[in-house]
Amino acid sequence: MSTATDEILDKLKSLTLLEASELVKQIEEAFGVSAAAPVGQMMMGGPAAVAAEPVEEQTEFTVMLEEVPADKKIAILKEVRAITGLGLKEAKDLVEAAPKAVKEAIAKDAAEEMKKQLEAVGAKISIK
């Protein structure tokens, strides 16, 4: 640092809060700037606000039947019936309407197990 900036820094350190406040007002007027934080950043939250907010962990999952290959349709239909307890017509409608939710609001472990069962018979599954 230069001696000029060192001197300014030393003088700033010795200011009282009232004097510092007056200095800020004078700088704002002299240079046409504002020392206030931008409202958009405060409202939207900067990086510090994002880190401070707790991230809510997802506890309920939906198993989605994304795609049903034509040659695997009957096996998938049987598995959907076994998993959901739906009747033949309802299960057939669900399978033919893919992409469609098979089960909603279930625990992660149950969703993973259901995904494995349906993928074993040829269905393409996603968990949301």
C-alpha atoms as a PDB file:
ATOM      1  CA  MET A   1       0.000   0.000   0.000  1.00  0.00           C
ATOM      2  CA  SER A   2       1.045   3.559  -0.553  1.00  0.00           C
ATOM      3  CA  THR A   3       1.584   5.964   2.310  1.00  0.00           C
ATOM      4  CA  ALA A   4      -1.534   7.922   1.272  1.00  0.00           C
ATOM      5  CA  THR A   5      -3.796   4.856   1.618  1.00  0.00           C
ATOM      6  CA  ASP A   6      -2.083   3.874   4.878  1.00  0.00           C
ATOM      7  CA  GLU A   7      -2.829   7.329   6.303  1.00  0.00           C
ATOM      8  CA  ILE A   8      -6.479   7.155   5.207  1.00  0.00           C
ATOM      9  CA  LEU A   9      -6.855   3.688   6.724  1.00  0.00           C
ATOM     10  CA  ASP A  10      -5.353   4.850  10.036  1.00  0.00           C
ATOM     11  CA  LYS A  11      -7.739   7.819  10.119  1.00  0.00           C
ATOM     12  CA  LEU A  12     -10.736   5.577   9.344  1.00  0.00           C
ATOM     13  CA  LYS A  13      -9.805   3.290  12.239  1.00  0.00           C
ATOM     14  CA  SER A  14      -9.910   6.224  14.635  1.00  0.00           C
ATOM     15  CA  LEU A  15     -13.397   7.469  13.614  1.00  0.00           C
ATOM     16  CA  THR A  16     -16.378   7.123  15.933  1.00  0.00           C
ATOM     17  CA  LEU A  17     -19.561   5.562  14.604  1.00  0.00           C
ATOM     18  CA  LEU A  18     -21.183   8.979  14.254  1.00  0.00           C
ATOM     19  CA  GLU A  19     -18.199  10.304  12.323  1.00  0.00           C
ATOM     20  CA  ALA A  20     -18.159   7.202  10.085  1.00  0.00           C
ATOM     21  CA  SER A  21     -21.861   7.681   9.359  1.00  0.00           C
ATOM     22  CA  GLU A  22     -21.260  11.310   8.387  1.00  0.00           C
ATOM     23  CA  LEU A  23     -18.352  10.235   6.161  1.00  0.00           C
ATOM     24  CA  VAL A  24     -20.572   7.743   4.342  1.00  0.00           C
ATOM     25  CA  LYS A  25     -23.185  10.458   3.677  1.00  0.00           C
ATOM     26  CA  GLN A  26     -20.507  12.811   2.359  1.00  0.00           C
ATOM     27  CA  ILE A  27     -19.049  10.137   0.060  1.00  0.00           C
ATOM     28  CA  GLU A  28     -22.522   9.314  -1.272  1.00  0.00           C
ATOM     29  CA  GLU A  29     -23.177  12.987  -2.065  1.00  0.00           C
ATOM     30  CA  ALA A  30     -19.721  13.691  -3.504  1.00  0.00           C
ATOM     31  CA  PHE A  31     -19.607  10.678  -5.840  1.00  0.00           C
ATOM     32  CA  GLY A  32     -23.336  10.110  -6.487  1.00  0.00           C
ATOM     33  CA  VAL A  33     -23.303   6.565  -5.107  1.00  0.00           C
ATOM     34  CA  SER A  34     -25.217   4.662  -2.464  1.00  0.00           C
ATOM     35  CA  ALA A  35     -23.762   2.521   0.318  1.00  0.00           C
ATOM     36  CA  ALA A  36     -27.082   0.693   0.785  1.00  0.00           C
ATOM     37  CA  ALA A  37     -27.130  -2.999  -0.162  1.00  0.00           C
ATOM     38  CA  PRO A  38     -29.105  -3.663  -3.364  1.00  0.00           C
ATOM     39  CA  VAL A  39     -32.658  -4.700  -2.464  1.00  0.00           C
ATOM     40  CA  GLY A  40     -32.778  -7.458  -5.088  1.00  0.00           C
ATOM     41  CA  GLN A  41     -29.854  -9.282  -3.529  1.00  0.00           C
ATOM     42  CA  MET A  42     -31.281  -8.972  -0.039  1.00  0.00           C
ATOM     43  CA  MET A  43     -34.693 -10.274  -1.094  1.00  0.00           C
ATOM     44  CA  MET A  44     -33.416 -13.061  -3.308  1.00  0.00           C
ATOM     45  CA  GLY A  45     -30.622 -13.989  -0.955  1.00  0.00           C
ATOM     46  CA  GLY A  46     -27.001 -13.928  -1.938  1.00  0.00           C
ATOM     47  CA  PRO A  47     -24.589 -16.816  -1.482  1.00  0.00           C
ATOM     48  CA  ALA A  48     -24.544 -16.348   2.297  1.00  0.00           C
ATOM     49  CA  ALA A  49     -28.331 -16.574   2.520  1.00  0.00           C
ATOM     50  CA  VAL A  50     -28.393 -19.754   0.461  1.00  0.00           C
ATOM     51  CA  ALA A  51     -25.845 -21.428   2.713  1.00  0.00           C
ATOM     52  CA  ALA A  52     -27.716 -20.369   5.851  1.00  0.00           C
ATOM     53  CA  GLU A  53     -31.079 -21.816   4.783  1.00  0.00           C
ATOM     54  CA  PRO A  54     -31.515 -25.459   5.737  1.00  0.00           C
ATOM     55  CA  VAL A  55     -32.111 -27.734   2.766  1.00  0.00           C
ATOM     56  CA  GLU A  56     -35.292 -29.690   3.234  1.00  0.00           C
ATOM     57  CA  GLU A  57     -34.713 -33.361   2.506  1.00  0.00           C
ATOM     58  CA  GLN A  58     -37.285 -35.079   0.343  1.00  0.00           C
ATOM     59  CA  THR A  59     -39.127 -37.777   2.290  1.00  0.00           C
ATOM     60  CA  GLU A  60     -41.912 -38.750  -0.127  1.00  0.00           C
ATOM     61  CA  PHE A  61     -41.250 -40.132  -3.582  1.00  0.00           C
ATOM     62  CA  THR A  62     -43.305 -41.007  -6.641  1.00  0.00           C
ATOM     63  CA  VAL A  63     -42.539 -44.035  -8.787  1.00  0.00           C
ATOM     64  CA  MET A  64     -43.190 -43.152 -12.430  1.00  0.00           C
ATOM     65  CA  LEU A  65     -43.740 -45.721 -15.170  1.00  0.00           C
ATOM     66  CA  GLU A  66     -41.980 -43.957 -18.041  1.00  0.00           C
ATOM     67  CA  GLU A  67     -42.029 -46.484 -20.851  1.00  0.00           C
ATOM     68  CA  VAL A  68     -43.492 -49.921 -21.527  1.00  0.00           C
ATOM     69  CA  PRO A  69     -41.900 -51.954 -24.326  1.00  0.00           C
ATOM     70  CA  ALA A  70     -44.635 -53.734 -26.318  1.00  0.00           C
ATOM     71  CA  ASP A  71     -43.059 -57.161 -25.879  1.00  0.00           C
ATOM     72  CA  LYS A  72     -42.910 -56.736 -22.064  1.00  0.00           C
ATOM     73  CA  LYS A  73     -46.398 -55.284 -21.578  1.00  0.00           C
ATOM     74  CA  ILE A  74     -48.034 -58.385 -20.057  1.00  0.00           C
ATOM     75  CA  ALA A  75     -45.214 -58.994 -17.562  1.00  0.00           C
ATOM     76  CA  ILE A  76     -45.242 -55.315 -16.549  1.00  0.00           C
ATOM     77  CA  LEU A  77     -49.038 -55.388 -16.216  1.00  0.00           C
ATOM     78  CA  LYS A  78     -48.818 -58.404 -13.862  1.00  0.00           C
ATOM     79  CA  GLU A  79     -46.133 -56.697 -11.759  1.00  0.00           C
ATOM     80  CA  VAL A  80     -48.120 -53.444 -11.554  1.00  0.00           C
ATOM     81  CA  ARG A  81     -51.161 -55.414 -10.369  1.00  0.00           C
ATOM     82  CA  ALA A  82     -49.083 -57.204  -7.718  1.00  0.00           C
ATOM     83  CA  ILE A  83     -47.528 -53.962  -6.461  1.00  0.00           C
ATOM     84  CA  THR A  84     -50.605 -51.752  -6.487  1.00  0.00           C
ATOM     85  CA  GLY A  85     -53.425 -54.190  -5.849  1.00  0.00           C
ATOM     86  CA  LEU A  86     -55.341 -52.735  -8.789  1.00  0.00           C
ATOM     87  CA  GLY A  87     -57.785 -54.767 -10.802  1.00  0.00           C
ATOM     88  CA  LEU A  88     -56.927 -55.973 -14.287  1.00  0.00           C
ATOM     89  CA  LYS A  89     -58.668 -53.100 -16.116  1.00  0.00           C
ATOM     90  CA  GLU A  90     -57.219 -50.388 -13.850  1.00  0.00           C
ATOM     91  CA  ALA A  91     -53.704 -51.831 -14.101  1.00  0.00           C
ATOM     92  CA  LYS A  92     -54.022 -52.120 -17.898  1.00  0.00           C
ATOM     93  CA  ASP A  93     -55.180 -48.492 -18.119  1.00  0.00           C
ATOM     94  CA  LEU A  94     -52.239 -47.378 -15.970  1.00  0.00           C
ATOM     95  CA  VAL A  95     -49.687 -49.312 -18.054  1.00  0.00           C
ATOM     96  CA  GLU A  96     -51.125 -48.030 -21.339  1.00  0.00           C
ATOM     97  CA  ALA A  97     -51.147 -44.428 -20.081  1.00  0.00           C
ATOM     98  CA  ALA A  98     -47.368 -44.343 -19.492  1.00  0.00           C
ATOM     99  CA  PRO A  99     -45.740 -42.095 -18.471  1.00  0.00           C
ATOM    100  CA  LYS A 100     -47.864 -42.358 -15.349  1.00  0.00           C
ATOM    101  CA  ALA A 101     -47.361 -42.538 -11.575  1.00  0.00           C
ATOM    102  CA  VAL A 102     -47.546 -46.082 -10.225  1.00  0.00           C
ATOM    103  CA  LYS A 103     -47.338 -45.095  -6.541  1.00  0.00           C
ATOM    104  CA  GLU A 104     -47.131 -41.662  -4.952  1.00  0.00           C
ATOM    105  CA  ALA A 105     -45.925 -40.366  -1.583  1.00  0.00           C
ATOM    106  CA  ILE A 106     -43.961 -43.434  -0.541  1.00  0.00           C
ATOM    107  CA  ALA A 107     -40.680 -43.815   1.337  1.00  0.00           C
ATOM    108  CA  LYS A 108     -37.401 -43.849  -0.575  1.00  0.00           C
ATOM    109  CA  ASP A 109     -36.640 -47.491   0.273  1.00  0.00           C
ATOM    110  CA  ALA A 110     -40.070 -48.638  -0.927  1.00  0.00           C
ATOM    111  CA  ALA A 111     -39.696 -46.566  -4.103  1.00  0.00           C
ATOM    112  CA  GLU A 112     -36.266 -48.081  -4.828  1.00  0.00           C
ATOM    113  CA  GLU A 113     -37.586 -51.614  -4.265  1.00  0.00           C
ATOM    114  CA  MET A 114     -40.588 -50.980  -6.520  1.00  0.00           C
ATOM    115  CA  LYS A 115     -38.272 -49.583  -9.206  1.00  0.00           C
ATOM    116  CA  LYS A 116     -36.140 -52.752  -9.075  1.00  0.00           C
ATOM    117  CA  GLN A 117     -39.205 -54.995  -9.367  1.00  0.00           C
ATOM    118  CA  LEU A 118     -40.599 -53.143 -12.371  1.00  0.00           C
ATOM    119  CA  GLU A 119     -37.253 -52.814 -14.137  1.00  0.00           C
ATOM    120  CA  ALA A 120     -36.724 -56.574 -13.676  1.00  0.00           C
ATOM    121  CA  VAL A 121     -39.742 -57.193 -15.940  1.00  0.00           C
ATOM    122  CA  GLY A 122     -38.632 -54.642 -18.550  1.00  0.00           C
ATOM    123  CA  ALA A 123     -40.292 -51.347 -17.577  1.00  0.00           C
ATOM    124  CA  LYS A 124     -38.470 -48.033 -17.672  1.00  0.00           C
ATOM    125  CA  ILE A 125     -38.962 -46.360 -14.282  1.00  0.00           C
ATOM    126  CA  SER A 126     -38.023 -43.047 -12.687  1.00  0.00           C
ATOM    127  CA  ILE A 127     -38.347 -41.861  -9.115  1.00  0.00           C
ATOM    128  CA  LYS A 128     -39.360 -38.263  -8.450  1.00  0.00           C
END
